[in-house]
Amino acid sequence: MPIPKSEFDQLHPCDFYTPEELLEADRMYTVYEIARLLQGLEPEAELDRETEDILLDWAIPWIMNNADYLVVAEPRSEDEPGYYGRES
């Protein structure tokens, strides 16, 4: 059920990083690493599974919204996720 805005102490603009601001041009990242970067964390930061799942809720729409500016690479093995990077 929707919540009234008045129930929140503060509202922030919904402003996300651009791919150029977030990703290094010569690197490829997993969705998990992108999720960490969007929160200001290091790509290899250790997170519990519950926190990681919440961060993915931010990363997946970000990737979809910026798909025109990203490239995708297949996983290098079956037990690895795909990789995303900036379009050069």
C-alpha atoms as a PDB file:
ATOM      1  CA  MET A   1       0.000   0.000   0.000  1.00  0.00           C
ATOM      2  CA  PRO A   2       1.382   3.454  -0.848  1.00  0.00           C
ATOM      3  CA  ILE A   3       2.657   5.530   2.064  1.00  0.00           C
ATOM      4  CA  PRO A   4       2.007   9.276   2.428  1.00  0.00           C
ATOM      5  CA  LYS A   5       5.083  11.449   1.830  1.00  0.00           C
ATOM      6  CA  SER A   6       4.412  13.136   5.151  1.00  0.00           C
ATOM      7  CA  GLU A   7       5.522   9.963   6.946  1.00  0.00           C
ATOM      8  CA  PHE A   8       9.144  10.545   5.888  1.00  0.00           C
ATOM      9  CA  ASP A   9      11.466  13.001   7.614  1.00  0.00           C
ATOM     10  CA  GLN A  10      13.305  13.843   4.411  1.00  0.00           C
ATOM     11  CA  LEU A  11      12.905  13.200   0.669  1.00  0.00           C
ATOM     12  CA  HIS A  12      15.874  13.175  -1.710  1.00  0.00           C
ATOM     13  CA  PRO A  13      16.049  13.648  -5.461  1.00  0.00           C
ATOM     14  CA  CYS A  14      16.314  10.378  -7.361  1.00  0.00           C
ATOM     15  CA  ASP A  15      19.704  11.067  -8.917  1.00  0.00           C
ATOM     16  CA  PHE A  16      21.853   8.158 -10.085  1.00  0.00           C
ATOM     17  CA  TYR A  17      25.389   7.996 -11.393  1.00  0.00           C
ATOM     18  CA  THR A  18      25.965   7.918 -15.123  1.00  0.00           C
ATOM     19  CA  PRO A  19      27.998   4.986 -16.468  1.00  0.00           C
ATOM     20  CA  GLU A  20      30.917   7.394 -17.012  1.00  0.00           C
ATOM     21  CA  GLU A  21      30.806   8.466 -13.369  1.00  0.00           C
ATOM     22  CA  LEU A  22      30.479   4.949 -11.975  1.00  0.00           C
ATOM     23  CA  LEU A  23      32.494   2.572 -14.157  1.00  0.00           C
ATOM     24  CA  GLU A  24      36.117   2.599 -15.290  1.00  0.00           C
ATOM     25  CA  ALA A  25      36.327   2.624 -19.091  1.00  0.00           C
ATOM     26  CA  ASP A  26      38.701  -0.369 -19.286  1.00  0.00           C
ATOM     27  CA  ARG A  27      36.930  -2.634 -16.755  1.00  0.00           C
ATOM     28  CA  MET A  28      33.977  -5.033 -16.784  1.00  0.00           C
ATOM     29  CA  TYR A  29      31.760  -5.494 -13.712  1.00  0.00           C
ATOM     30  CA  THR A  30      29.233  -8.013 -12.447  1.00  0.00           C
ATOM     31  CA  VAL A  31      25.790  -6.788 -11.425  1.00  0.00           C
ATOM     32  CA  TYR A  32      26.878  -7.422  -7.828  1.00  0.00           C
ATOM     33  CA  GLU A  33      29.877  -5.129  -8.197  1.00  0.00           C
ATOM     34  CA  ILE A  34      27.740  -2.444  -9.826  1.00  0.00           C
ATOM     35  CA  ALA A  35      25.291  -2.721  -6.917  1.00  0.00           C
ATOM     36  CA  ARG A  36      28.110  -2.022  -4.463  1.00  0.00           C
ATOM     37  CA  LEU A  37      29.472   0.891  -6.507  1.00  0.00           C
ATOM     38  CA  LEU A  38      26.024   2.521  -6.636  1.00  0.00           C
ATOM     39  CA  GLN A  39      26.112   2.599  -2.831  1.00  0.00           C
ATOM     40  CA  GLY A  40      29.638   4.028  -2.646  1.00  0.00           C
ATOM     41  CA  LEU A  41      31.221   0.710  -1.661  1.00  0.00           C
ATOM     42  CA  GLU A  42      34.260  -0.988  -3.142  1.00  0.00           C
ATOM     43  CA  PRO A  43      33.326  -3.601  -5.787  1.00  0.00           C
ATOM     44  CA  GLU A  44      34.775  -6.415  -3.671  1.00  0.00           C
ATOM     45  CA  ALA A  45      33.165  -5.332  -0.369  1.00  0.00           C
ATOM     46  CA  GLU A  46      31.849  -8.257   1.680  1.00  0.00           C
ATOM     47  CA  LEU A  47      28.077  -8.138   2.207  1.00  0.00           C
ATOM     48  CA  ASP A  48      25.582 -10.489   3.753  1.00  0.00           C
ATOM     49  CA  ARG A  49      23.128 -12.067   1.304  1.00  0.00           C
ATOM     50  CA  GLU A  50      20.138 -10.014   2.504  1.00  0.00           C
ATOM     51  CA  THR A  51      21.960  -6.707   1.996  1.00  0.00           C
ATOM     52  CA  GLU A  52      23.237  -7.814  -1.394  1.00  0.00           C
ATOM     53  CA  ASP A  53      19.691  -8.673  -2.479  1.00  0.00           C
ATOM     54  CA  ILE A  54      18.511  -5.197  -1.493  1.00  0.00           C
ATOM     55  CA  LEU A  55      21.371  -3.550  -3.410  1.00  0.00           C
ATOM     56  CA  LEU A  56      20.461  -5.585  -6.496  1.00  0.00           C
ATOM     57  CA  ASP A  57      17.058  -3.897  -6.396  1.00  0.00           C
ATOM     58  CA  TRP A  58      18.914  -0.675  -7.265  1.00  0.00           C
ATOM     59  CA  ALA A  59      21.462  -2.106  -9.675  1.00  0.00           C
ATOM     60  CA  ILE A  60      19.198  -4.015 -12.051  1.00  0.00           C
ATOM     61  CA  PRO A  61      17.019  -1.006 -12.987  1.00  0.00           C
ATOM     62  CA  TRP A  62      20.168   1.140 -13.287  1.00  0.00           C
ATOM     63  CA  ILE A  63      21.646  -1.331 -15.785  1.00  0.00           C
ATOM     64  CA  MET A  64      18.401  -1.466 -17.749  1.00  0.00           C
ATOM     65  CA  ASN A  65      18.067   2.324 -17.778  1.00  0.00           C
ATOM     66  CA  ASN A  66      21.655   2.739 -18.996  1.00  0.00           C
ATOM     67  CA  ALA A  67      21.687  -0.208 -21.432  1.00  0.00           C
ATOM     68  CA  ASP A  68      22.340   2.083 -24.417  1.00  0.00           C
ATOM     69  CA  TYR A  69      25.666   3.096 -22.848  1.00  0.00           C
ATOM     70  CA  LEU A  70      26.832  -0.346 -21.697  1.00  0.00           C
ATOM     71  CA  VAL A  71      28.377  -3.428 -23.267  1.00  0.00           C
ATOM     72  CA  VAL A  72      27.793  -6.982 -22.047  1.00  0.00           C
ATOM     73  CA  ALA A  73      30.160  -9.963 -21.914  1.00  0.00           C
ATOM     74  CA  GLU A  74      29.188 -13.583 -21.460  1.00  0.00           C
ATOM     75  CA  PRO A  75      30.346 -15.311 -18.263  1.00  0.00           C
ATOM     76  CA  ARG A  76      33.803 -16.846 -18.575  1.00  0.00           C
ATOM     77  CA  SER A  77      32.498 -20.028 -16.939  1.00  0.00           C
ATOM     78  CA  GLU A  78      29.127 -21.517 -16.010  1.00  0.00           C
ATOM     79  CA  ASP A  79      29.497 -20.627 -12.329  1.00  0.00           C
ATOM     80  CA  GLU A  80      30.138 -16.931 -13.017  1.00  0.00           C
ATOM     81  CA  PRO A  81      27.713 -14.073 -13.733  1.00  0.00           C
ATOM     82  CA  GLY A  82      27.813 -11.950 -16.875  1.00  0.00           C
ATOM     83  CA  TYR A  83      29.791  -8.733 -17.023  1.00  0.00           C
ATOM     84  CA  TYR A  84      28.867  -5.154 -17.883  1.00  0.00           C
ATOM     85  CA  GLY A  85      31.082  -2.274 -18.876  1.00  0.00           C
ATOM     86  CA  ARG A  86      30.945   1.199 -20.363  1.00  0.00           C
ATOM     87  CA  GLU A  87      30.574   1.471 -24.081  1.00  0.00           C
ATOM     88  CA  SER A  88      33.789   3.074 -25.313  1.00  0.00           C
END
